[in-house]
Protein backbone atom coordinates (compact mmCIF):
# COMPACT_ATOMS: atom_id res chain seq x y z
CA MET A 1 123.43 179.99 98.05
CA THR A 2 120.64 177.13 99.47
CA PHE A 3 119.72 180.38 101.87
CA ARG A 4 118.49 182.37 98.91
CA PHE A 5 116.01 179.20 98.00
CA THR A 6 115.27 178.52 100.98
CA LEU A 7 113.59 181.14 102.52
CA PRO A 8 111.69 182.03 99.57
CA MET A 9 109.89 178.28 100.15
CA ILE A 10 109.62 178.45 103.54
CA LEU A 11 107.16 181.44 103.02
CA ALA A 12 105.51 180.10 100.15
CA LEU A 13 104.77 176.52 102.57
CA GLY A 14 103.77 178.70 105.57
CA ALA A 15 100.98 180.32 103.30
CA CYS A 16 99.79 176.97 102.57
CA THR A 17 98.58 176.34 106.83
CA GLY A 18 95.29 174.96 107.23
CA GLU A 19 94.34 177.92 109.67
CA ALA A 20 91.64 180.19 107.67
CA ASN A 21 92.21 183.49 106.07
CA HIS A 22 90.95 185.25 103.24
CA LEU A 23 92.93 184.19 100.29
CA GLY A 24 92.68 180.76 100.68
CA ASN A 25 95.30 177.76 99.98
CA PRO A 26 97.68 179.73 97.03
CA LEU A 27 98.21 176.11 95.27
CA LEU A 28 94.45 176.41 94.49
CA TRP A 29 94.29 180.00 93.39
CA PRO A 30 94.02 178.84 89.59
CA ILE A 31 90.98 176.05 90.51
CA THR A 32 89.45 178.81 92.81
CA GLY A 33 90.27 181.57 90.06
CA LEU A 34 88.47 179.05 87.11
CA ALA A 35 85.47 177.99 89.47
CA THR A 36 85.08 181.50 90.15
CA ALA A 37 84.76 183.04 86.51
CA ALA A 38 81.95 180.34 85.76
CA GLU A 39 80.09 180.98 89.02
CA ASN A 40 80.29 184.81 88.02
CA ALA A 41 79.37 184.01 84.07
CA ALA A 42 76.15 181.84 85.02
CA TYR A 43 75.06 184.39 87.64
CA ASN A 44 75.53 187.37 85.03
CA GLN A 45 73.62 185.32 82.22
CA ARG A 46 71.09 184.79 84.64
CA ARG A 47 70.73 188.62 86.30
CA GLY A 48 70.86 189.59 82.32
CA GLN A 49 67.39 187.35 81.90
CA VAL A 50 65.57 188.54 84.77
CA GLU A 51 66.38 192.33 83.05
CA VAL A 52 64.85 191.51 80.31
CA ILE A 53 62.05 189.86 81.42
CA VAL A 54 61.49 193.05 84.28
CA LYS A 55 62.24 195.42 81.74
CA SER A 56 60.56 194.47 78.64
CA ASN A 57 56.97 193.80 80.87
CA PHE A 58 57.61 197.09 83.12
CA PRO A 59 54.24 197.98 83.62
CA ALA A 60 52.86 194.56 84.14
CA ILE A 61 55.35 193.45 86.45
CA LEU A 62 54.46 196.39 88.52
CA ASP A 63 51.04 194.98 88.21
CA ASP A 64 51.57 191.32 89.68
CA ILE A 65 53.41 193.13 92.20
CA ARG A 66 50.22 195.83 93.84
CA ALA A 67 48.02 192.14 92.87
CA GLY A 68 50.26 189.83 94.81
CA GLY A 69 51.18 187.94 92.06
CA GLY A 70 50.71 187.23 88.70
CA PRO A 71 52.18 184.90 85.71
CA ILE A 72 54.97 188.12 84.87
CA LEU A 73 56.41 187.89 88.61
CA SER A 74 56.23 184.16 88.61
CA ASP A 75 58.23 183.82 85.83
CA ALA A 76 60.84 186.79 86.98
CA MET A 77 61.32 185.29 90.31
CA ASP A 78 61.20 181.60 88.86
CA THR A 79 64.20 182.46 86.42
CA ALA A 80 66.16 184.32 89.51
CA GLY A 81 66.04 181.29 91.53
CA VAL A 82 63.55 182.63 94.10
CA PRO A 83 62.54 180.10 95.95
CA ALA A 84 58.42 179.40 96.24
CA THR A 85 58.56 179.49 99.93
CA ASP A 86 60.11 182.39 100.15
CA ARG A 87 57.50 184.06 97.61
CA PRO A 88 54.80 184.96 99.87
CA ALA A 89 57.13 187.24 102.35
CA ARG A 90 59.47 188.25 99.05
CA ILE A 91 56.21 189.76 97.48
CA THR A 92 54.78 191.24 100.52
CA GLN A 93 58.39 192.72 101.12
CA MET A 94 58.07 194.33 97.42
CA GLN A 95 54.77 195.62 97.67
CA GLY A 96 56.66 197.89 99.96
CA ASP A 97 59.36 199.26 98.00
CA LEU A 98 56.57 199.57 95.27
CA GLY A 99 57.47 203.39 95.19
CA LEU A 100 60.98 202.50 94.56
CA TYR A 101 60.35 200.26 91.79
CA ALA A 102 58.06 202.21 89.76
CA THR A 103 60.70 204.84 89.21
CA ASN A 104 63.60 202.52 89.24
CA PRO A 105 63.59 198.90 86.98
CA GLU A 106 67.24 197.90 88.30
CA ALA A 107 66.37 197.97 91.69
CA LEU A 108 63.97 195.57 91.30
CA VAL A 109 66.04 193.75 89.40
CA VAL A 110 68.64 193.83 91.99
CA ALA A 111 66.19 192.56 94.66
CA LEU A 112 65.23 189.73 92.61
CA MET A 113 68.60 188.14 92.33
CA VAL A 114 69.22 189.13 95.92
CA TYR A 115 66.05 187.20 96.83
CA GLY A 116 67.08 183.95 94.61
CA GLY A 117 70.77 184.21 96.13
């Protein structure tokens, strides 16, 4: 009878080692699950805001990219969380990919979110 409870207990404790694994400590799963859900909600809200800026000002944001910056591009970068120190390099990258963005506004949203981290 005790073997039936001992083996699962040993297996459960073995999962709680300090060694690295991709699942983490099973005792912390409820906490990490809630934290992940909160992070995802915040990211999705920010992404939605960036998408509204890009799609509602699409011709103007393309002009800002061509010009090397502008108010709408700055607003989109602020919302996406792109660090100010990274912006000149990111604008140069966007200028190089302008052909893609001109036909695919979603690609520009994704790029801004990636640059924002």
